[in-house]
């Protein structure tokens, strides 16, 4: 179950498991939000699943806030429990090379996660960051929650 937003419009700190249907019920209250979720679902079906990489997808960005019209969805593809290092590096390079096209086609900003790769983006995205901090008048290190989908 997805917890309620706090007084800042953020999910409570932590990683919250959710099905695509739950995300649709909770986060698609505007046409733009429905369009973004549709883009994520197409990305999973057309790009992620055909790569035969298993793992959870962490969903973040203003989409998981109460912001009415988010720009995009941030998605971290968690290879940690499944992929060997070589496969993770190839996936990381693919994310970097294809990032602009994926964002244009699906409205999703893609990021890889693996213990051997630099920067744990699952941890990074559990803080509001500069842009949201400015919008919400919070410290950039203010904790927040993200969603986890297992496709």
C-alpha atoms as a PDB file:
ATOM      1  CA  UNK A   1       0.000   0.000   0.000  1.00  0.00           C
ATOM      2  CA  UNK A   2       1.272   3.434  -0.891  1.00  0.00           C
ATOM      3  CA  UNK A   3       1.307   5.727   2.159  1.00  0.00           C
ATOM      4  CA  UNK A   4      -0.282   9.171   2.175  1.00  0.00           C
ATOM      5  CA  UNK A   5       1.732  12.250   1.274  1.00  0.00           C
ATOM      6  CA  UNK A   6       3.019  14.413   4.107  1.00  0.00           C
ATOM      7  CA  UNK A   7       2.341  18.126   4.621  1.00  0.00           C
ATOM      8  CA  UNK A   8       4.907  18.968   1.900  1.00  0.00           C
ATOM      9  CA  UNK A   9       3.282  16.711  -0.701  1.00  0.00           C
ATOM     10  CA  UNK A  10       6.025  14.087  -0.359  1.00  0.00           C
ATOM     11  CA  UNK A  11       5.838  10.391   0.369  1.00  0.00           C
ATOM     12  CA  UNK A  12       7.172   9.491   3.817  1.00  0.00           C
ATOM     13  CA  UNK A  13      10.842   8.410   3.798  1.00  0.00           C
ATOM     14  CA  UNK A  14      11.599   4.930   2.523  1.00  0.00           C
ATOM     15  CA  UNK A  15      11.021   2.719  -0.482  1.00  0.00           C
ATOM     16  CA  UNK A  16       7.355   1.827  -0.890  1.00  0.00           C
ATOM     17  CA  UNK A  17       6.302  -1.182  -2.975  1.00  0.00           C
ATOM     18  CA  UNK A  18       3.490  -0.559  -5.441  1.00  0.00           C
ATOM     19  CA  UNK A  19       1.887  -2.265  -8.400  1.00  0.00           C
ATOM     20  CA  UNK A  20       1.288  -0.336 -11.627  1.00  0.00           C
ATOM     21  CA  UNK A  21      -2.450  -0.446 -10.836  1.00  0.00           C
ATOM     22  CA  UNK A  22      -1.874   1.119  -7.399  1.00  0.00           C
ATOM     23  CA  UNK A  23       0.286   3.829  -8.939  1.00  0.00           C
ATOM     24  CA  UNK A  24      -2.424   4.565 -11.490  1.00  0.00           C
ATOM     25  CA  UNK A  25      -5.099   4.864  -8.785  1.00  0.00           C
ATOM     26  CA  UNK A  26      -2.971   7.119  -6.565  1.00  0.00           C
ATOM     27  CA  UNK A  27      -1.012   9.270  -8.995  1.00  0.00           C
ATOM     28  CA  UNK A  28      -3.000   9.657 -12.227  1.00  0.00           C
ATOM     29  CA  UNK A  29      -5.473  12.369 -11.272  1.00  0.00           C
ATOM     30  CA  UNK A  30      -4.595  14.611 -14.248  1.00  0.00           C
ATOM     31  CA  UNK A  31      -4.259  13.800 -17.961  1.00  0.00           C
ATOM     32  CA  UNK A  32      -0.538  14.671 -17.783  1.00  0.00           C
ATOM     33  CA  UNK A  33       0.039  12.205 -14.958  1.00  0.00           C
ATOM     34  CA  UNK A  34      -1.800   9.467 -16.876  1.00  0.00           C
ATOM     35  CA  UNK A  35       0.354  10.246 -19.926  1.00  0.00           C
ATOM     36  CA  UNK A  36       3.527   9.930 -17.844  1.00  0.00           C
ATOM     37  CA  UNK A  37       2.505   6.600 -16.336  1.00  0.00           C
ATOM     38  CA  UNK A  38       1.603   5.336 -19.808  1.00  0.00           C
ATOM     39  CA  UNK A  39       5.092   6.326 -20.950  1.00  0.00           C
ATOM     40  CA  UNK A  40       6.669   4.410 -18.078  1.00  0.00           C
ATOM     41  CA  UNK A  41       4.561   1.334 -18.822  1.00  0.00           C
ATOM     42  CA  UNK A  42       5.539   1.474 -22.514  1.00  0.00           C
ATOM     43  CA  UNK A  43       9.208   1.899 -21.550  1.00  0.00           C
ATOM     44  CA  UNK A  44       9.015  -1.195 -19.365  1.00  0.00           C
ATOM     45  CA  UNK A  45       7.327  -3.250 -22.094  1.00  0.00           C
ATOM     46  CA  UNK A  46       9.352  -2.002 -25.066  1.00  0.00           C
ATOM     47  CA  UNK A  47      12.797  -1.349 -23.571  1.00  0.00           C
ATOM     48  CA  UNK A  48      13.359  -2.858 -20.104  1.00  0.00           C
ATOM     49  CA  UNK A  49      11.692  -6.277 -20.328  1.00  0.00           C
ATOM     50  CA  UNK A  50      13.167  -7.175 -23.781  1.00  0.00           C
ATOM     51  CA  UNK A  51      16.669  -6.744 -22.326  1.00  0.00           C
ATOM     52  CA  UNK A  52      15.997  -9.757 -20.084  1.00  0.00           C
ATOM     53  CA  UNK A  53      17.299  -7.879 -17.077  1.00  0.00           C
ATOM     54  CA  UNK A  54      15.448  -8.578 -13.907  1.00  0.00           C
ATOM     55  CA  UNK A  55      15.044  -6.260 -11.014  1.00  0.00           C
ATOM     56  CA  UNK A  56      12.883  -3.634  -9.489  1.00  0.00           C
ATOM     57  CA  UNK A  57      12.193  -0.225 -10.956  1.00  0.00           C
ATOM     58  CA  UNK A  58      12.332   2.667  -8.510  1.00  0.00           C
ATOM     59  CA  UNK A  59      10.003   5.533  -9.435  1.00  0.00           C
ATOM     60  CA  UNK A  60      10.671   9.090  -8.345  1.00  0.00           C
ATOM     61  CA  UNK A  61      10.609  12.706  -9.362  1.00  0.00           C
ATOM     62  CA  UNK A  62       7.790  15.187  -9.083  1.00  0.00           C
ATOM     63  CA  UNK A  63       5.492  12.405 -10.326  1.00  0.00           C
ATOM     64  CA  UNK A  64       5.460  10.865  -6.827  1.00  0.00           C
ATOM     65  CA  UNK A  65       4.749  14.270  -5.250  1.00  0.00           C
ATOM     66  CA  UNK A  66       1.402  16.071  -5.270  1.00  0.00           C
ATOM     67  CA  UNK A  67       2.580  18.305  -8.126  1.00  0.00           C
ATOM     68  CA  UNK A  68      -0.363  18.478 -10.594  1.00  0.00           C
ATOM     69  CA  UNK A  69       1.621  18.454 -13.839  1.00  0.00           C
ATOM     70  CA  UNK A  70       5.049  16.851 -13.450  1.00  0.00           C
ATOM     71  CA  UNK A  71       7.556  17.193 -16.276  1.00  0.00           C
ATOM     72  CA  UNK A  72       8.659  13.560 -16.329  1.00  0.00           C
ATOM     73  CA  UNK A  73       9.311  10.449 -14.248  1.00  0.00           C
ATOM     74  CA  UNK A  74      12.696   9.509 -12.843  1.00  0.00           C
ATOM     75  CA  UNK A  75      13.213   5.735 -12.938  1.00  0.00           C
ATOM     76  CA  UNK A  76      16.117   3.845 -11.398  1.00  0.00           C
ATOM     77  CA  UNK A  77      16.540   0.337 -12.810  1.00  0.00           C
ATOM     78  CA  UNK A  78      17.899  -1.755  -9.952  1.00  0.00           C
ATOM     79  CA  UNK A  79      20.209  -4.466 -11.258  1.00  0.00           C
ATOM     80  CA  UNK A  80      21.724  -5.073  -7.825  1.00  0.00           C
ATOM     81  CA  UNK A  81      20.386  -8.507  -6.960  1.00  0.00           C
ATOM     82  CA  UNK A  82      20.606 -10.047 -10.415  1.00  0.00           C
ATOM     83  CA  UNK A  83      23.151  -8.729 -12.907  1.00  0.00           C
ATOM     84  CA  UNK A  84      26.870  -9.475 -13.037  1.00  0.00           C
ATOM     85  CA  UNK A  85      29.143  -6.438 -13.207  1.00  0.00           C
ATOM     86  CA  UNK A  86      29.779  -6.703 -16.965  1.00  0.00           C
ATOM     87  CA  UNK A  87      26.054  -6.681 -17.701  1.00  0.00           C
ATOM     88  CA  UNK A  88      25.547  -3.732 -15.333  1.00  0.00           C
ATOM     89  CA  UNK A  89      28.287  -1.701 -17.036  1.00  0.00           C
ATOM     90  CA  UNK A  90      26.779  -2.382 -20.465  1.00  0.00           C
ATOM     91  CA  UNK A  91      23.363  -1.329 -19.166  1.00  0.00           C
ATOM     92  CA  UNK A  92      24.846   1.827 -17.609  1.00  0.00           C
ATOM     93  CA  UNK A  93      26.423   2.787 -20.936  1.00  0.00           C
ATOM     94  CA  UNK A  94      23.172   2.072 -22.756  1.00  0.00           C
ATOM     95  CA  UNK A  95      21.309   4.336 -20.328  1.00  0.00           C
ATOM     96  CA  UNK A  96      23.797   7.139 -20.952  1.00  0.00           C
ATOM     97  CA  UNK A  97      23.720   6.760 -24.730  1.00  0.00           C
ATOM     98  CA  UNK A  98      19.935   6.423 -25.001  1.00  0.00           C
ATOM     99  CA  UNK A  99      18.871   8.753 -22.160  1.00  0.00           C
ATOM    100  CA  UNK A 100      17.790  11.698 -24.357  1.00  0.00           C
ATOM    101  CA  UNK A 101      15.850   9.511 -26.808  1.00  0.00           C
ATOM    102  CA  UNK A 102      14.140   7.584 -24.007  1.00  0.00           C
ATOM    103  CA  UNK A 103      13.142  10.804 -22.282  1.00  0.00           C
ATOM    104  CA  UNK A 104      11.779  12.235 -25.545  1.00  0.00           C
ATOM    105  CA  UNK A 105       9.836   9.057 -26.418  1.00  0.00           C
ATOM    106  CA  UNK A 106       8.638   7.940 -22.982  1.00  0.00           C
ATOM    107  CA  UNK A 107       8.996  11.031 -20.717  1.00  0.00           C
ATOM    108  CA  UNK A 108      11.137   8.935 -18.382  1.00  0.00           C
ATOM    109  CA  UNK A 109      14.640   9.791 -17.204  1.00  0.00           C
ATOM    110  CA  UNK A 110      16.453   6.432 -16.826  1.00  0.00           C
ATOM    111  CA  UNK A 111      19.207   5.623 -14.346  1.00  0.00           C
ATOM    112  CA  UNK A 112      20.985   2.332 -13.559  1.00  0.00           C
ATOM    113  CA  UNK A 113      21.726   0.970 -10.087  1.00  0.00           C
ATOM    114  CA  UNK A 114      24.229  -1.745  -9.182  1.00  0.00           C
ATOM    115  CA  UNK A 115      26.537  -2.027  -6.149  1.00  0.00           C
ATOM    116  CA  UNK A 116      29.633  -1.841  -8.379  1.00  0.00           C
ATOM    117  CA  UNK A 117      28.493   1.307 -10.218  1.00  0.00           C
ATOM    118  CA  UNK A 118      29.275   4.757  -8.808  1.00  0.00           C
ATOM    119  CA  UNK A 119      26.528   6.668  -7.025  1.00  0.00           C
ATOM    120  CA  UNK A 120      23.692   4.829  -5.331  1.00  0.00           C
ATOM    121  CA  UNK A 121      20.795   6.558  -7.024  1.00  0.00           C
ATOM    122  CA  UNK A 122      18.228   4.755  -4.881  1.00  0.00           C
ATOM    123  CA  UNK A 123      19.689   6.595  -1.889  1.00  0.00           C
ATOM    124  CA  UNK A 124      20.168   9.846  -3.833  1.00  0.00           C
ATOM    125  CA  UNK A 125      16.524  10.025  -4.901  1.00  0.00           C
ATOM    126  CA  UNK A 126      15.346   9.642  -1.295  1.00  0.00           C
ATOM    127  CA  UNK A 127      16.191  13.313  -0.720  1.00  0.00           C
ATOM    128  CA  UNK A 128      14.328  16.217  -2.281  1.00  0.00           C
ATOM    129  CA  UNK A 129      17.321  17.651  -4.146  1.00  0.00           C
ATOM    130  CA  UNK A 130      17.893  21.202  -5.356  1.00  0.00           C
ATOM    131  CA  UNK A 131      14.876  21.748  -7.631  1.00  0.00           C
ATOM    132  CA  UNK A 132      12.216  20.354  -5.268  1.00  0.00           C
ATOM    133  CA  UNK A 133      13.913  21.993  -2.276  1.00  0.00           C
ATOM    134  CA  UNK A 134      13.574  25.392  -3.949  1.00  0.00           C
ATOM    135  CA  UNK A 135       9.937  24.740  -4.920  1.00  0.00           C
ATOM    136  CA  UNK A 136       8.967  23.453  -1.462  1.00  0.00           C
ATOM    137  CA  UNK A 137      11.283  25.680   0.598  1.00  0.00           C
ATOM    138  CA  UNK A 138      12.993  22.702   2.235  1.00  0.00           C
ATOM    139  CA  UNK A 139      16.607  21.694   2.718  1.00  0.00           C
ATOM    140  CA  UNK A 140      17.907  19.758  -0.308  1.00  0.00           C
ATOM    141  CA  UNK A 141      18.685  16.862   2.067  1.00  0.00           C
ATOM    142  CA  UNK A 142      15.111  16.657   3.374  1.00  0.00           C
ATOM    143  CA  UNK A 143      14.181  12.933   3.247  1.00  0.00           C
ATOM    144  CA  UNK A 144      11.320  11.635   1.135  1.00  0.00           C
ATOM    145  CA  UNK A 145       9.955   8.365  -0.153  1.00  0.00           C
ATOM    146  CA  UNK A 146      10.080   6.699  -3.550  1.00  0.00           C
ATOM    147  CA  UNK A 147       8.124   3.842  -5.134  1.00  0.00           C
ATOM    148  CA  UNK A 148       9.349   0.395  -6.160  1.00  0.00           C
ATOM    149  CA  UNK A 149       7.715  -1.618  -8.957  1.00  0.00           C
ATOM    150  CA  UNK A 150       8.702  -5.196  -9.705  1.00  0.00           C
ATOM    151  CA  UNK A 151       7.680  -5.684 -13.357  1.00  0.00           C
END
